């Protein structure tokens, strides 16, 4: 592969985090590979395996690679062993230091642009179509709204069928200034409730 246009960095390990984790990781990888291959978007997936549990097989042993046969997408797995993890602050309290793992992947990524995301995130065809136009700017930070959907999504279906399921099963949407869902929170609602709520709202936005 020539230098990829996009490096997608995720952190994972085989500990069944959140339930059904490996299935979610597999679906993430397969959908991304299918869409990027179809769009002829040169992409690398940088999978950082952080502090793998010694009692479980490694990620490379349990996740089927969906990039086989794709000229556009390549998979790289970087393992950060327990010996490195144990020497870091908070290592005894948190088995996965997610953002340090993402930094490790970002530093080793070879793409022209880098997207740090999570392995339970599914990309839409519309997003990949936007990326394949190759109009990203180097002086710009990009973000998109995130929709949470009812789990589990279909695992072995084509990417667009999975996307259709997601669109029909949205639980809430997280935007830049709002969360649309059961509580229907928005910045306007918060700011109209008074200074105390406004301060809490602004704190939420900073963390977001």
N, C-alpha and C. Protein backbone atom coordinates (compact mmCIF):
# COMPACT_ATOMS: atom_id res chain seq x y z
N UNK A 1 0.84 -1.20 0.00
CA UNK A 1 0.00 0.00 0.00
C UNK A 1 0.87 1.25 0.00
N UNK A 2 0.48 2.25 -0.82
CA UNK A 2 1.11 3.56 -0.70
C UNK A 2 0.67 4.17 0.62
N UNK A 3 1.18 5.35 0.94
CA UNK A 3 0.80 5.98 2.20
C UNK A 3 -0.71 6.13 2.27
N UNK A 4 -1.34 5.56 3.31
CA UNK A 4 -2.80 5.64 3.39
C UNK A 4 -3.28 7.06 3.60
N UNK A 5 -4.46 7.34 3.09
CA UNK A 5 -5.06 8.65 3.31
C UNK A 5 -5.54 8.77 4.75
N UNK A 6 -6.04 7.68 5.31
CA UNK A 6 -6.65 7.72 6.64
C UNK A 6 -6.12 6.59 7.50
N UNK A 7 -5.75 6.92 8.74
CA UNK A 7 -5.44 5.93 9.77
C UNK A 7 -6.54 5.98 10.81
N UNK A 8 -7.16 4.83 11.09
CA UNK A 8 -8.21 4.73 12.09
C UNK A 8 -7.63 4.01 13.30
N UNK A 9 -7.57 4.69 14.43
CA UNK A 9 -6.91 4.17 15.63
C UNK A 9 -7.95 3.80 16.68
N UNK A 10 -7.88 2.55 17.16
CA UNK A 10 -8.78 2.10 18.22
C UNK A 10 -7.97 1.32 19.25
N UNK A 11 -8.49 1.27 20.48
CA UNK A 11 -7.86 0.53 21.57
C UNK A 11 -8.80 -0.59 21.99
N UNK A 12 -8.24 -1.78 22.20
CA UNK A 12 -9.08 -2.92 22.56
C UNK A 12 -8.25 -3.95 23.31
N UNK A 13 -8.95 -4.87 23.95
CA UNK A 13 -8.32 -6.08 24.48
C UNK A 13 -9.40 -7.12 24.70
N UNK A 14 -9.00 -8.36 24.81
CA UNK A 14 -9.94 -9.47 24.87
C UNK A 14 -10.38 -9.71 26.32
N UNK A 15 -11.29 -8.83 26.80
CA UNK A 15 -11.80 -8.98 28.17
C UNK A 15 -13.32 -8.89 28.23
N UNK A 16 -13.97 -8.92 27.04
CA UNK A 16 -15.43 -8.88 26.94
C UNK A 16 -16.01 -7.63 27.59
N UNK A 17 -15.34 -6.52 27.45
CA UNK A 17 -15.80 -5.26 28.03
C UNK A 17 -17.18 -4.90 27.50
N UNK A 18 -18.12 -4.64 28.39
CA UNK A 18 -19.46 -4.22 28.02
C UNK A 18 -20.34 -5.34 27.48
N UNK A 19 -19.80 -6.55 27.36
CA UNK A 19 -20.57 -7.68 26.83
C UNK A 19 -20.55 -7.74 25.32
N UNK A 20 -20.22 -8.89 24.77
CA UNK A 20 -20.18 -9.06 23.32
C UNK A 20 -19.15 -8.20 22.63
N UNK A 21 -18.04 -7.91 23.32
CA UNK A 21 -17.08 -6.96 22.79
C UNK A 21 -16.43 -7.44 21.49
N UNK A 22 -16.04 -8.69 21.44
CA UNK A 22 -15.35 -9.18 20.25
C UNK A 22 -16.26 -9.11 19.02
N UNK A 23 -17.54 -9.40 19.21
CA UNK A 23 -18.49 -9.31 18.09
C UNK A 23 -18.60 -7.87 17.61
N UNK A 24 -18.63 -6.92 18.55
CA UNK A 24 -18.70 -5.51 18.17
C UNK A 24 -17.44 -5.08 17.42
N UNK A 25 -16.29 -5.53 17.92
CA UNK A 25 -15.03 -5.20 17.26
C UNK A 25 -14.99 -5.79 15.85
N UNK A 26 -15.45 -7.01 15.71
CA UNK A 26 -15.47 -7.66 14.40
C UNK A 26 -16.38 -6.91 13.43
N UNK A 27 -17.56 -6.50 13.90
CA UNK A 27 -18.50 -5.77 13.04
C UNK A 27 -17.93 -4.42 12.65
N UNK A 28 -17.31 -3.72 13.61
CA UNK A 28 -16.66 -2.44 13.32
C UNK A 28 -15.65 -2.59 12.19
N UNK A 29 -14.80 -3.60 12.33
CA UNK A 29 -13.74 -3.80 11.34
C UNK A 29 -14.33 -4.16 9.97
N UNK A 30 -15.31 -5.05 9.95
CA UNK A 30 -15.85 -5.52 8.68
C UNK A 30 -16.58 -4.42 7.93
N UNK A 31 -17.38 -3.61 8.66
CA UNK A 31 -18.10 -2.51 8.02
C UNK A 31 -17.12 -1.49 7.45
N UNK A 32 -16.11 -1.15 8.23
CA UNK A 32 -15.13 -0.16 7.78
C UNK A 32 -14.38 -0.65 6.55
N UNK A 33 -13.98 -1.92 6.56
CA UNK A 33 -13.25 -2.47 5.41
C UNK A 33 -14.15 -2.50 4.18
N UNK A 34 -15.39 -2.92 4.34
CA UNK A 34 -16.31 -3.00 3.20
C UNK A 34 -16.51 -1.62 2.57
N UNK A 35 -16.77 -0.61 3.39
CA UNK A 35 -17.05 0.73 2.86
C UNK A 35 -15.81 1.36 2.24
N UNK A 36 -14.67 1.21 2.89
CA UNK A 36 -13.45 1.83 2.37
C UNK A 36 -12.96 1.12 1.12
N UNK A 37 -13.15 -0.19 1.04
CA UNK A 37 -12.78 -0.93 -0.16
C UNK A 37 -13.65 -0.49 -1.33
N UNK A 38 -14.95 -0.38 -1.09
CA UNK A 38 -15.87 0.05 -2.13
C UNK A 38 -15.56 1.47 -2.60
N UNK A 39 -15.16 2.33 -1.66
CA UNK A 39 -14.85 3.73 -2.00
C UNK A 39 -13.43 3.91 -2.52
N UNK A 40 -12.64 2.82 -2.51
CA UNK A 40 -11.24 2.87 -2.91
C UNK A 40 -10.48 3.93 -2.10
N UNK A 41 -10.76 3.91 -0.80
CA UNK A 41 -10.12 4.85 0.13
C UNK A 41 -8.98 4.12 0.84
N UNK A 42 -7.76 4.54 0.57
CA UNK A 42 -6.59 3.91 1.20
C UNK A 42 -6.62 4.17 2.70
N UNK A 43 -6.77 3.09 3.48
CA UNK A 43 -6.99 3.21 4.92
C UNK A 43 -6.16 2.17 5.65
N UNK A 44 -5.69 2.53 6.82
CA UNK A 44 -5.10 1.53 7.71
C UNK A 44 -5.85 1.57 9.04
N UNK A 45 -6.11 0.39 9.58
CA UNK A 45 -6.69 0.27 10.91
C UNK A 45 -5.56 -0.04 11.87
N UNK A 46 -5.35 0.84 12.84
CA UNK A 46 -4.31 0.62 13.85
C UNK A 46 -5.02 0.20 15.12
N UNK A 47 -4.92 -1.08 15.44
CA UNK A 47 -5.58 -1.65 16.60
C UNK A 47 -4.55 -1.80 17.72
N UNK A 48 -4.72 -1.01 18.78
CA UNK A 48 -3.80 -1.05 19.91
C UNK A 48 -4.37 -1.98 20.97
N UNK A 49 -3.70 -3.09 21.19
CA UNK A 49 -4.12 -4.05 22.21
C UNK A 49 -3.40 -3.68 23.52
N UNK A 50 -4.17 -3.16 24.46
CA UNK A 50 -3.56 -2.62 25.69
C UNK A 50 -3.65 -3.63 26.83
N UNK A 51 -2.49 -3.94 27.42
CA UNK A 51 -2.43 -4.78 28.62
C UNK A 51 -3.29 -6.04 28.49
N UNK A 52 -3.00 -6.89 27.50
CA UNK A 52 -3.86 -8.06 27.26
C UNK A 52 -3.92 -8.99 28.47
N UNK A 53 -5.12 -9.45 28.84
CA UNK A 53 -5.25 -10.36 29.98
C UNK A 53 -4.50 -11.66 29.70
N UNK A 54 -3.62 -12.09 30.61
CA UNK A 54 -2.80 -13.28 30.34
C UNK A 54 -3.61 -14.56 30.22
N UNK A 55 -4.81 -14.57 30.81
CA UNK A 55 -5.62 -15.79 30.79
C UNK A 55 -6.42 -15.95 29.50
N UNK A 56 -6.45 -14.92 28.64
CA UNK A 56 -7.25 -14.97 27.42
C UNK A 56 -6.35 -14.90 26.18
N UNK A 57 -6.78 -15.46 25.06
CA UNK A 57 -6.02 -15.33 23.82
C UNK A 57 -5.91 -13.87 23.40
N UNK A 58 -4.86 -13.55 22.69
CA UNK A 58 -4.68 -12.19 22.21
C UNK A 58 -5.68 -11.83 21.12
N UNK A 59 -5.81 -10.54 20.89
CA UNK A 59 -6.77 -10.04 19.89
C UNK A 59 -6.51 -10.66 18.52
N UNK A 60 -5.26 -10.78 18.14
CA UNK A 60 -4.95 -11.31 16.81
C UNK A 60 -5.41 -12.75 16.65
N UNK A 61 -5.54 -13.47 17.75
CA UNK A 61 -5.94 -14.88 17.69
C UNK A 61 -7.45 -15.05 17.60
N UNK A 62 -8.20 -14.08 18.07
CA UNK A 62 -9.65 -14.28 18.19
C UNK A 62 -10.47 -13.43 17.22
N UNK A 63 -9.86 -12.44 16.59
CA UNK A 63 -10.59 -11.59 15.66
C UNK A 63 -10.19 -11.95 14.24
N UNK A 64 -11.16 -12.34 13.44
CA UNK A 64 -10.89 -12.66 12.05
C UNK A 64 -10.59 -11.37 11.29
N UNK A 65 -9.51 -11.37 10.56
CA UNK A 65 -9.15 -10.17 9.80
C UNK A 65 -10.05 -10.02 8.59
N UNK A 66 -10.73 -8.89 8.50
CA UNK A 66 -11.62 -8.62 7.36
C UNK A 66 -10.88 -7.92 6.23
N UNK A 67 -9.59 -7.65 6.41
CA UNK A 67 -8.86 -6.90 5.39
C UNK A 67 -8.25 -7.82 4.34
N UNK A 68 -8.32 -9.15 4.55
CA UNK A 68 -7.73 -10.07 3.59
C UNK A 68 -8.42 -9.89 2.23
N UNK A 69 -7.61 -9.70 1.20
CA UNK A 69 -8.16 -9.52 -0.13
C UNK A 69 -8.44 -8.07 -0.49
N UNK A 70 -8.30 -7.16 0.47
CA UNK A 70 -8.53 -5.74 0.20
C UNK A 70 -7.22 -5.05 -0.09
N UNK A 71 -7.16 -4.38 -1.22
CA UNK A 71 -5.97 -3.60 -1.56
C UNK A 71 -6.00 -2.23 -0.91
N UNK A 72 -7.18 -1.81 -0.45
CA UNK A 72 -7.33 -0.45 0.08
C UNK A 72 -7.13 -0.38 1.59
N UNK A 73 -7.39 -1.46 2.33
CA UNK A 73 -7.39 -1.41 3.79
C UNK A 73 -6.38 -2.42 4.34
N UNK A 74 -5.56 -1.97 5.27
CA UNK A 74 -4.62 -2.84 5.95
C UNK A 74 -4.83 -2.74 7.45
N UNK A 75 -4.54 -3.82 8.15
CA UNK A 75 -4.70 -3.89 9.60
C UNK A 75 -3.35 -4.03 10.26
N UNK A 76 -3.10 -3.19 11.27
CA UNK A 76 -1.90 -3.31 12.09
C UNK A 76 -2.32 -3.46 13.54
N UNK A 77 -1.71 -4.41 14.23
CA UNK A 77 -1.99 -4.61 15.66
C UNK A 77 -0.74 -4.28 16.45
N UNK A 78 -0.88 -3.36 17.38
CA UNK A 78 0.23 -2.96 18.26
C UNK A 78 -0.13 -3.40 19.67
N UNK A 79 0.72 -4.20 20.28
CA UNK A 79 0.45 -4.70 21.62
C UNK A 79 1.28 -3.95 22.65
N UNK A 80 0.59 -3.38 23.63
CA UNK A 80 1.26 -2.73 24.77
C UNK A 80 1.18 -3.72 25.93
N UNK A 81 2.29 -4.34 26.31
CA UNK A 81 2.25 -5.43 27.28
C UNK A 81 2.02 -4.95 28.71
N UNK A 82 1.72 -5.90 29.58
CA UNK A 82 1.48 -5.59 30.99
C UNK A 82 2.69 -4.94 31.63
N UNK A 83 3.88 -5.28 31.18
CA UNK A 83 5.10 -4.71 31.76
C UNK A 83 5.17 -3.21 31.55
N UNK A 84 4.64 -2.72 30.43
CA UNK A 84 4.60 -1.28 30.17
C UNK A 84 3.45 -0.65 30.96
N UNK A 85 2.29 -1.29 30.91
CA UNK A 85 1.12 -0.77 31.61
C UNK A 85 1.38 -0.59 33.09
N UNK A 86 2.02 -1.56 33.74
CA UNK A 86 2.20 -1.53 35.19
C UNK A 86 3.11 -0.40 35.66
N UNK A 87 3.90 0.16 34.75
CA UNK A 87 4.79 1.25 35.13
C UNK A 87 4.18 2.62 34.99
N UNK A 88 2.90 2.69 34.65
CA UNK A 88 2.25 3.97 34.40
C UNK A 88 1.33 4.36 35.56
N UNK A 89 1.12 5.66 35.78
CA UNK A 89 0.20 6.10 36.84
C UNK A 89 -1.21 5.55 36.62
N UNK A 90 -1.88 5.20 37.71
CA UNK A 90 -3.25 4.68 37.72
C UNK A 90 -3.37 3.26 37.14
N UNK A 91 -2.25 2.62 36.84
CA UNK A 91 -2.32 1.30 36.23
C UNK A 91 -2.96 0.27 37.15
N UNK A 92 -2.82 0.45 38.46
CA UNK A 92 -3.42 -0.50 39.39
C UNK A 92 -4.93 -0.31 39.52
N UNK A 93 -5.44 0.85 39.08
CA UNK A 93 -6.86 1.14 39.19
C UNK A 93 -7.62 0.93 37.88
N UNK A 94 -6.91 1.05 36.76
CA UNK A 94 -7.57 0.94 35.46
C UNK A 94 -6.79 -0.05 34.59
N UNK A 95 -7.42 -1.14 34.18
CA UNK A 95 -6.71 -2.13 33.37
C UNK A 95 -6.40 -1.64 31.96
N UNK A 96 -7.18 -0.67 31.47
CA UNK A 96 -6.95 -0.12 30.13
C UNK A 96 -6.83 1.40 30.25
N UNK A 97 -5.70 1.93 29.82
CA UNK A 97 -5.50 3.38 29.78
C UNK A 97 -5.79 3.82 28.34
N UNK A 98 -7.06 4.03 28.09
CA UNK A 98 -7.55 4.20 26.72
C UNK A 98 -6.84 5.31 25.96
N UNK A 99 -6.70 6.46 26.58
CA UNK A 99 -6.17 7.59 25.83
C UNK A 99 -4.66 7.50 25.64
N UNK A 100 -3.97 6.86 26.56
CA UNK A 100 -2.55 6.59 26.32
C UNK A 100 -2.42 5.59 25.17
N UNK A 101 -3.34 4.62 25.13
CA UNK A 101 -3.32 3.67 24.02
C UNK A 101 -3.57 4.34 22.68
N UNK A 102 -4.51 5.26 22.65
CA UNK A 102 -4.78 5.99 21.41
C UNK A 102 -3.57 6.83 21.01
N UNK A 103 -2.92 7.44 21.99
CA UNK A 103 -1.71 8.21 21.67
C UNK A 103 -0.64 7.31 21.08
N UNK A 104 -0.49 6.09 21.64
CA UNK A 104 0.50 5.15 21.11
C UNK A 104 0.19 4.80 19.66
N UNK A 105 -1.10 4.60 19.36
CA UNK A 105 -1.48 4.30 17.99
C UNK A 105 -1.29 5.48 17.05
N UNK A 106 -1.65 6.67 17.54
CA UNK A 106 -1.51 7.88 16.72
C UNK A 106 -0.05 8.13 16.36
N UNK A 107 0.83 7.94 17.33
CA UNK A 107 2.26 8.19 17.08
C UNK A 107 2.83 7.23 16.04
N UNK A 108 2.22 6.06 15.92
CA UNK A 108 2.74 5.05 14.99
C UNK A 108 1.93 4.96 13.71
N UNK A 109 0.88 5.76 13.59
CA UNK A 109 0.06 5.75 12.39
C UNK A 109 0.81 6.37 11.22
N UNK A 110 0.54 5.89 10.03
CA UNK A 110 1.24 6.38 8.84
C UNK A 110 0.33 7.14 7.89
N UNK A 111 -0.95 7.29 8.24
CA UNK A 111 -1.89 7.96 7.34
C UNK A 111 -1.67 9.46 7.26
N UNK A 112 -2.18 10.04 6.18
CA UNK A 112 -2.13 11.49 6.02
C UNK A 112 -3.01 12.17 7.07
N UNK A 113 -4.15 11.55 7.39
CA UNK A 113 -5.05 12.03 8.43
C UNK A 113 -5.33 10.89 9.39
N UNK A 114 -5.64 11.24 10.64
CA UNK A 114 -5.82 10.24 11.68
C UNK A 114 -7.17 10.43 12.34
N UNK A 115 -7.89 9.33 12.50
CA UNK A 115 -9.16 9.33 13.20
C UNK A 115 -9.06 8.38 14.39
N UNK A 116 -9.15 8.93 15.60
CA UNK A 116 -9.17 8.13 16.82
C UNK A 116 -10.63 7.88 17.19
N UNK A 117 -11.00 6.62 17.33
CA UNK A 117 -12.38 6.29 17.61
C UNK A 117 -12.44 5.07 18.52
N UNK A 118 -13.61 4.47 18.65
CA UNK A 118 -13.79 3.31 19.52
C UNK A 118 -14.25 2.11 18.70
N UNK A 119 -13.92 0.90 19.16
CA UNK A 119 -14.22 -0.30 18.36
C UNK A 119 -15.67 -0.75 18.39
N UNK A 120 -16.54 0.01 19.04
CA UNK A 120 -17.98 -0.28 18.95
C UNK A 120 -18.70 0.80 18.16
N UNK A 121 -17.94 1.53 17.34
CA UNK A 121 -18.49 2.59 16.50
C UNK A 121 -18.61 2.09 15.06
N UNK A 122 -19.74 2.36 14.43
CA UNK A 122 -19.96 1.96 13.05
C UNK A 122 -20.00 3.20 12.16
N UNK A 123 -19.24 3.17 11.08
CA UNK A 123 -19.21 4.29 10.15
C UNK A 123 -20.35 4.17 9.16
N UNK A 124 -20.87 5.31 8.72
CA UNK A 124 -21.91 5.33 7.70
C UNK A 124 -21.29 5.45 6.31
N UNK A 125 -22.04 5.00 5.31
CA UNK A 125 -21.58 5.15 3.94
C UNK A 125 -21.42 6.63 3.59
N UNK A 126 -22.28 7.48 4.14
CA UNK A 126 -22.20 8.92 3.87
C UNK A 126 -20.89 9.49 4.38
N UNK A 127 -20.44 9.05 5.55
CA UNK A 127 -19.18 9.54 6.10
C UNK A 127 -18.01 9.11 5.23
N UNK A 128 -17.99 7.84 4.81
CA UNK A 128 -16.89 7.35 3.98
C UNK A 128 -16.90 8.05 2.62
N UNK A 129 -18.08 8.31 2.08
CA UNK A 129 -18.16 9.06 0.81
C UNK A 129 -17.55 10.44 0.96
N UNK A 130 -17.77 11.06 2.12
CA UNK A 130 -17.19 12.38 2.36
C UNK A 130 -15.66 12.28 2.45
N UNK A 131 -15.18 11.23 3.10
CA UNK A 131 -13.73 11.06 3.25
C UNK A 131 -13.06 10.78 1.91
N UNK A 132 -13.72 10.02 1.04
CA UNK A 132 -13.09 9.65 -0.23
C UNK A 132 -12.93 10.84 -1.17
N UNK A 133 -13.62 11.93 -0.89
CA UNK A 133 -13.43 13.14 -1.70
C UNK A 133 -12.07 13.77 -1.46
N UNK A 134 -11.41 13.34 -0.39
CA UNK A 134 -10.04 13.81 -0.06
C UNK A 134 -9.97 15.34 0.03
N UNK A 135 -10.95 15.89 0.73
CA UNK A 135 -10.98 17.34 0.88
C UNK A 135 -10.74 17.77 2.32
N UNK A 136 -10.21 16.88 3.14
CA UNK A 136 -9.88 17.25 4.51
C UNK A 136 -8.73 18.25 4.53
N UNK A 137 -8.76 19.14 5.51
CA UNK A 137 -7.73 20.17 5.63
C UNK A 137 -6.83 19.87 6.82
N UNK A 138 -5.55 20.16 6.66
CA UNK A 138 -4.58 19.86 7.71
C UNK A 138 -4.71 20.81 8.90
N UNK A 139 -5.35 21.95 8.73
CA UNK A 139 -5.47 22.91 9.82
C UNK A 139 -6.82 22.82 10.52
N UNK A 140 -7.50 21.69 10.37
CA UNK A 140 -8.87 21.58 10.87
C UNK A 140 -9.04 20.32 11.70
N UNK A 141 -9.79 20.45 12.81
CA UNK A 141 -10.21 19.31 13.62
C UNK A 141 -11.67 19.01 13.28
N UNK A 142 -11.96 17.76 12.94
CA UNK A 142 -13.30 17.38 12.51
C UNK A 142 -14.00 16.55 13.58
N UNK A 143 -15.31 16.71 13.68
CA UNK A 143 -16.12 15.90 14.56
C UNK A 143 -17.46 15.63 13.86
N UNK A 144 -18.17 14.59 14.33
CA UNK A 144 -19.51 14.31 13.83
C UNK A 144 -20.41 14.01 15.01
N UNK A 145 -21.72 14.19 14.82
CA UNK A 145 -22.67 13.77 15.84
C UNK A 145 -22.64 12.24 15.96
N UNK A 146 -22.90 11.76 17.17
CA UNK A 146 -22.91 10.32 17.42
C UNK A 146 -24.30 9.87 17.81
N UNK A 147 -24.75 8.78 17.20
CA UNK A 147 -26.04 8.21 17.55
C UNK A 147 -25.83 6.88 18.27
N UNK A 148 -26.44 6.73 19.43
CA UNK A 148 -26.44 5.45 20.14
C UNK A 148 -27.62 4.63 19.64
N UNK A 149 -27.39 3.36 19.35
CA UNK A 149 -28.45 2.51 18.82
C UNK A 149 -28.64 1.29 19.70
N UNK A 150 -29.82 0.70 19.59
CA UNK A 150 -30.13 -0.51 20.35
C UNK A 150 -29.20 -1.64 19.91
N UNK A 151 -28.67 -2.35 20.87
CA UNK A 151 -27.74 -3.44 20.60
C UNK A 151 -28.47 -4.78 20.78
N UNK A 152 -28.05 -5.79 20.02
CA UNK A 152 -26.93 -5.79 19.06
C UNK A 152 -27.40 -5.47 17.64
N UNK A 153 -26.49 -4.86 16.87
CA UNK A 153 -26.75 -4.66 15.45
C UNK A 153 -26.45 -5.97 14.72
N UNK A 154 -27.02 -6.18 13.53
CA UNK A 154 -26.71 -7.39 12.76
C UNK A 154 -25.21 -7.51 12.54
N UNK A 155 -24.67 -8.69 12.71
CA UNK A 155 -23.22 -8.84 12.67
C UNK A 155 -22.69 -9.31 11.32
N UNK A 156 -23.43 -10.11 10.61
CA UNK A 156 -22.92 -10.68 9.36
C UNK A 156 -23.61 -10.11 8.13
N UNK A 157 -24.36 -9.05 8.29
CA UNK A 157 -25.07 -8.44 7.16
C UNK A 157 -24.15 -7.46 6.43
N UNK A 158 -24.50 -7.09 5.19
CA UNK A 158 -23.74 -6.06 4.47
C UNK A 158 -23.77 -4.73 5.23
N UNK A 159 -22.79 -3.89 4.96
CA UNK A 159 -22.64 -2.64 5.70
C UNK A 159 -23.88 -1.77 5.62
N UNK A 160 -24.49 -1.67 4.45
CA UNK A 160 -25.65 -0.79 4.31
C UNK A 160 -26.88 -1.34 5.03
N UNK A 161 -26.99 -2.65 5.14
CA UNK A 161 -28.08 -3.23 5.90
C UNK A 161 -27.90 -2.95 7.39
N UNK A 162 -26.66 -3.02 7.85
CA UNK A 162 -26.38 -2.69 9.24
C UNK A 162 -26.68 -1.21 9.49
N UNK A 163 -26.31 -0.36 8.54
CA UNK A 163 -26.59 1.07 8.69
C UNK A 163 -28.09 1.33 8.75
N UNK A 164 -28.85 0.62 7.92
CA UNK A 164 -30.31 0.78 7.93
C UNK A 164 -30.89 0.38 9.28
N UNK A 165 -30.37 -0.70 9.85
CA UNK A 165 -30.82 -1.11 11.19
C UNK A 165 -30.53 -0.01 12.20
N UNK A 166 -29.33 0.55 12.14
CA UNK A 166 -28.95 1.59 13.09
C UNK A 166 -29.85 2.81 12.98
N UNK A 167 -30.16 3.22 11.77
CA UNK A 167 -31.01 4.39 11.57
C UNK A 167 -32.42 4.16 12.13
N UNK A 168 -32.86 2.92 12.11
CA UNK A 168 -34.21 2.60 12.58
C UNK A 168 -34.26 2.32 14.09
N UNK A 169 -33.11 2.26 14.74
CA UNK A 169 -33.06 1.90 16.15
C UNK A 169 -32.23 2.86 16.98
N UNK A 170 -32.35 4.16 16.67
CA UNK A 170 -31.61 5.19 17.40
C UNK A 170 -32.22 5.41 18.78
N UNK A 171 -31.40 5.35 19.81
CA UNK A 171 -31.85 5.61 21.18
C UNK A 171 -31.69 7.08 21.54
N UNK A 172 -30.58 7.66 21.14
CA UNK A 172 -30.32 9.08 21.41
C UNK A 172 -29.22 9.55 20.46
N UNK A 173 -29.15 10.84 20.24
CA UNK A 173 -28.12 11.43 19.39
C UNK A 173 -27.34 12.46 20.19
N UNK A 174 -26.03 12.38 20.15
CA UNK A 174 -25.16 13.31 20.85
C UNK A 174 -24.58 14.29 19.83
N UNK A 175 -25.03 15.54 19.90
CA UNK A 175 -24.51 16.56 19.01
C UNK A 175 -23.52 17.46 19.73
N UNK A 176 -23.07 18.48 19.04
CA UNK A 176 -22.09 19.38 19.64
C UNK A 176 -22.67 20.15 20.81
N UNK A 177 -23.93 20.58 20.68
CA UNK A 177 -24.55 21.38 21.73
C UNK A 177 -25.84 20.77 22.26
N UNK A 178 -26.07 19.50 21.98
CA UNK A 178 -27.34 18.93 22.43
C UNK A 178 -27.23 17.43 22.59
N UNK A 179 -28.19 16.88 23.30
CA UNK A 179 -28.40 15.44 23.35
C UNK A 179 -29.88 15.20 23.12
N UNK A 180 -30.21 14.53 22.04
CA UNK A 180 -31.61 14.26 21.72
C UNK A 180 -31.93 12.83 22.11
N UNK A 181 -32.87 12.68 23.02
CA UNK A 181 -33.24 11.36 23.50
C UNK A 181 -34.35 11.50 24.50
N UNK A 182 -34.44 10.55 25.44
CA UNK A 182 -35.53 10.60 26.43
C UNK A 182 -35.60 11.90 27.21
N UNK A 183 -34.43 12.51 27.51
CA UNK A 183 -34.42 13.75 28.30
C UNK A 183 -34.51 14.99 27.44
N UNK A 184 -34.21 14.85 26.14
CA UNK A 184 -34.29 15.99 25.21
C UNK A 184 -33.54 17.21 25.72
N UNK A 185 -32.33 16.98 26.18
CA UNK A 185 -31.55 18.11 26.69
C UNK A 185 -30.97 18.93 25.55
N UNK A 186 -30.84 20.23 25.76
CA UNK A 186 -30.21 21.09 24.77
C UNK A 186 -29.59 22.26 25.51
N UNK A 187 -28.69 22.98 24.86
CA UNK A 187 -28.06 24.12 25.51
C UNK A 187 -29.10 25.19 25.83
N UNK A 188 -30.09 25.39 24.95
CA UNK A 188 -31.11 26.41 25.20
C UNK A 188 -31.91 26.06 26.45
N UNK A 189 -32.27 24.79 26.60
CA UNK A 189 -33.02 24.36 27.78
C UNK A 189 -32.23 24.64 29.04
N UNK A 190 -30.93 24.27 29.02
CA UNK A 190 -30.11 24.44 30.21
C UNK A 190 -29.95 25.92 30.56
N UNK A 191 -29.63 26.74 29.55
CA UNK A 191 -29.34 28.14 29.83
C UNK A 191 -30.57 28.90 30.32
N UNK A 192 -31.77 28.44 29.95
CA UNK A 192 -32.99 29.10 30.40
C UNK A 192 -33.38 28.72 31.82
N UNK A 193 -32.73 27.72 32.40
CA UNK A 193 -33.10 27.25 33.73
C UNK A 193 -32.39 28.01 34.85
N UNK A 194 -31.39 28.81 34.52
CA UNK A 194 -30.72 29.57 35.56
C UNK A 194 -29.22 29.33 35.59
N UNK A 195 -28.47 30.21 36.27
CA UNK A 195 -27.00 30.15 36.27
C UNK A 195 -26.44 28.83 36.77
N UNK A 196 -27.02 28.24 37.81
CA UNK A 196 -26.45 27.01 38.36
C UNK A 196 -26.48 25.88 37.34
N UNK A 197 -27.64 25.71 36.68
CA UNK A 197 -27.75 24.66 35.66
C UNK A 197 -26.86 24.99 34.48
N UNK A 198 -26.77 26.28 34.14
CA UNK A 198 -25.91 26.68 33.03
C UNK A 198 -24.46 26.31 33.31
N UNK A 199 -24.02 26.52 34.56
CA UNK A 199 -22.64 26.16 34.89
C UNK A 199 -22.42 24.66 34.75
N UNK A 200 -23.37 23.86 35.20
CA UNK A 200 -23.23 22.41 35.06
C UNK A 200 -23.23 22.03 33.58
N UNK A 201 -24.05 22.70 32.79
CA UNK A 201 -24.11 22.40 31.37
C UNK A 201 -22.77 22.68 30.69
N UNK A 202 -22.21 23.86 30.99
CA UNK A 202 -20.94 24.20 30.39
C UNK A 202 -19.84 23.24 30.81
N UNK A 203 -19.93 22.76 32.06
CA UNK A 203 -18.98 21.75 32.49
C UNK A 203 -19.12 20.48 31.70
N UNK A 204 -20.36 20.08 31.40
CA UNK A 204 -20.58 18.90 30.58
C UNK A 204 -20.00 19.07 29.20
N UNK A 205 -20.15 20.26 28.64
CA UNK A 205 -19.65 20.48 27.29
C UNK A 205 -18.12 20.40 27.25
N UNK A 206 -17.48 20.91 28.31
CA UNK A 206 -16.02 20.84 28.35
C UNK A 206 -15.57 19.40 28.38
N UNK A 207 -16.25 18.57 29.19
CA UNK A 207 -15.85 17.17 29.24
C UNK A 207 -16.14 16.46 27.93
N UNK A 208 -17.23 16.87 27.25
CA UNK A 208 -17.60 16.24 25.98
C UNK A 208 -16.53 16.55 24.92
